[in-house]
Amino acid sequence: MKKLLYVAFIAIVGICLVSCEKGQKEFYLSDLQGEWVEDGTTHHVRFTTEAADEPNYFWGCEWGVDDIEYEDLVYHGNGWFKYNLNEKNLLEVHMMDYGWADIPKQYIMVTLTKSKMTFYPKDFKKEKKNFTKL
């Protein structure tokens, strides 16, 4: 009987440990879309609802208020990117004015709510960036 209780106790503890993963599990595209500002900076990012030319990708752009305004960006040129949110993975494919190169950037989403967002570049967990939605 003692062995049975011991085994049951170990099983319950094991189940509790497995089910207690930290962090947000679900991220919604509707929470991501909109304009964000990086905390403590003038770095703005806008995730639009405009579909890109690839399935499941949308257009986004980024700018710094000190150097350029959103209205000054060349449409789908420098400062623009296509993005896809798949579970916790955010992929941005950055564009250039003359189409010479597309630059992919991968991020891991930590937090995404209607007002706060935190992510980090894949493989650089200590470089977290925090944003607040405008």
Protein backbone atom coordinates (compact mmCIF):
# COMPACT_ATOMS: atom_id res chain seq x y z
CA MET A 1 0.00 0.00 0.00
CA LYS A 2 2.84 2.39 0.86
CA LYS A 3 4.44 1.73 -2.52
CA LEU A 4 1.17 2.52 -4.29
CA LEU A 5 0.82 5.83 -2.41
CA TYR A 6 4.45 6.67 -3.15
CA VAL A 7 4.00 5.99 -6.87
CA ALA A 8 0.77 8.03 -6.94
CA PHE A 9 2.49 10.93 -5.18
CA ILE A 10 5.42 10.89 -7.64
CA ALA A 11 2.99 10.78 -10.60
CA ILE A 12 1.01 13.77 -9.29
CA VAL A 13 4.18 15.81 -8.69
CA GLY A 14 5.42 14.95 -12.19
CA ILE A 15 2.15 16.03 -13.80
CA CYS A 16 2.20 19.31 -11.86
CA LEU A 17 5.76 20.08 -12.96
CA VAL A 18 5.02 19.38 -16.63
CA SER A 19 1.85 21.49 -16.65
CA CYS A 20 3.46 24.52 -14.95
CA GLU A 21 5.37 25.95 -17.93
CA LYS A 22 6.06 29.65 -17.62
CA GLY A 23 5.12 32.26 -20.17
CA GLN A 24 2.30 33.10 -22.49
CA LYS A 25 1.23 30.23 -24.75
CA GLU A 26 -1.11 31.84 -27.29
CA PHE A 27 -0.44 34.93 -29.38
CA TYR A 28 -3.09 36.60 -31.52
CA LEU A 29 -2.50 38.45 -34.77
CA SER A 30 -5.22 40.94 -33.83
CA ASP A 31 -3.22 41.92 -30.71
CA LEU A 32 -0.07 42.43 -32.80
CA GLN A 33 -1.65 44.61 -35.48
CA GLY A 34 -1.44 48.33 -34.80
CA GLU A 35 1.25 50.89 -33.96
CA TRP A 36 3.80 50.25 -31.22
CA VAL A 37 6.60 52.32 -29.68
CA GLU A 38 9.64 50.70 -28.08
CA ASP A 39 9.75 51.64 -24.41
CA GLY A 40 12.15 54.51 -23.69
CA THR A 41 12.88 55.23 -27.39
CA THR A 42 11.40 56.89 -30.47
CA HIS A 43 11.44 53.58 -32.40
CA HIS A 44 7.97 52.98 -33.87
CA VAL A 45 6.70 49.79 -35.49
CA ARG A 46 3.38 49.42 -37.30
CA PHE A 47 1.95 45.97 -38.08
CA THR A 48 -0.78 46.56 -40.68
CA THR A 49 -3.69 44.36 -41.72
CA GLU A 50 -2.68 44.74 -45.39
CA ALA A 51 -1.96 41.32 -46.92
CA ALA A 52 1.46 40.92 -48.56
CA ASP A 53 2.12 39.02 -51.78
CA GLU A 54 2.91 35.79 -49.89
CA PRO A 55 0.20 33.71 -48.18
CA ASN A 56 -0.16 34.39 -44.44
CA TYR A 57 2.11 37.46 -44.57
CA PHE A 58 1.13 41.06 -43.91
CA TRP A 59 2.91 44.39 -44.35
CA GLY A 60 4.55 46.30 -41.55
CA CYS A 61 6.96 49.19 -41.24
CA GLU A 62 9.26 50.81 -38.71
CA TRP A 63 10.80 54.24 -38.24
CA GLY A 64 12.42 56.50 -35.67
CA VAL A 65 10.67 59.81 -35.08
CA ASP A 66 14.02 61.63 -34.82
CA ASP A 67 15.14 60.74 -38.34
CA ILE A 68 12.05 60.09 -40.46
CA GLU A 69 8.27 60.12 -40.22
CA TYR A 70 5.95 57.30 -41.28
CA GLU A 71 4.64 59.41 -44.16
CA ASP A 72 8.20 59.80 -45.54
CA LEU A 73 8.77 56.07 -46.07
CA VAL A 74 8.94 54.82 -49.66
CA TYR A 75 5.97 52.44 -49.95
CA HIS A 76 7.30 48.87 -49.48
CA GLY A 77 10.91 50.12 -49.55
CA ASN A 78 13.36 50.86 -46.75
CA GLY A 79 11.63 50.61 -43.39
CA TRP A 80 8.97 48.20 -44.66
CA PHE A 81 8.78 44.47 -43.96
CA LYS A 82 6.49 41.52 -44.51
CA TYR A 83 5.62 39.67 -41.33
CA ASN A 84 4.14 36.39 -40.21
CA LEU A 85 3.19 35.39 -36.66
CA ASN A 86 3.19 31.62 -36.19
CA GLU A 87 2.67 30.56 -32.58
CA LYS A 88 5.48 32.37 -30.72
CA ASN A 89 7.62 32.93 -33.83
CA LEU A 90 7.55 36.34 -35.49
CA LEU A 91 9.28 36.44 -38.87
CA GLU A 92 9.94 39.82 -40.50
CA VAL A 93 11.32 40.02 -44.04
CA HIS A 94 12.74 43.54 -44.40
CA MET A 95 12.59 45.25 -47.80
CA MET A 96 14.88 47.70 -49.60
CA ASP A 97 13.91 50.65 -51.83
CA TYR A 98 15.21 49.07 -55.02
CA GLY A 99 14.47 45.43 -54.24
CA TRP A 100 18.13 44.39 -54.15
CA ALA A 101 17.68 42.18 -51.11
CA ASP A 102 15.14 40.91 -48.64
CA ILE A 103 16.52 40.54 -45.12
CA PRO A 104 14.79 37.99 -42.86
CA LYS A 105 14.75 38.60 -39.10
CA GLN A 106 13.37 36.04 -36.65
CA TYR A 107 12.01 36.93 -33.22
CA ILE A 108 10.56 34.91 -30.36
CA MET A 109 7.46 36.43 -28.78
CA VAL A 110 7.42 36.45 -24.97
CA THR A 111 4.37 38.62 -24.24
CA LEU A 112 1.69 39.93 -26.58
CA THR A 113 -1.45 41.59 -25.27
CA LYS A 114 -3.63 44.39 -26.62
CA SER A 115 -1.27 46.96 -25.02
CA LYS A 116 2.13 45.33 -24.32
CA MET A 117 4.57 43.32 -26.40
CA THR A 118 7.94 41.76 -25.56
CA PHE A 119 10.11 39.75 -27.94
CA TYR A 120 13.76 38.96 -28.57
CA PRO A 121 15.84 38.06 -31.63
CA LYS A 122 16.05 34.28 -32.06
CA ASP A 123 19.22 33.00 -30.38
CA PHE A 124 19.66 36.25 -28.37
CA LYS A 125 17.28 35.79 -25.43
CA LYS A 126 18.98 38.50 -23.34
CA GLU A 127 18.18 41.21 -25.95
CA LYS A 128 14.47 41.54 -25.11
CA LYS A 129 12.61 44.55 -26.51
CA ASN A 130 9.52 45.91 -24.81
CA PHE A 131 6.84 47.85 -26.68
CA THR A 132 3.67 49.71 -25.75
CA LYS A 133 0.77 50.04 -28.19
CA LEU A 134 -0.26 53.57 -29.12
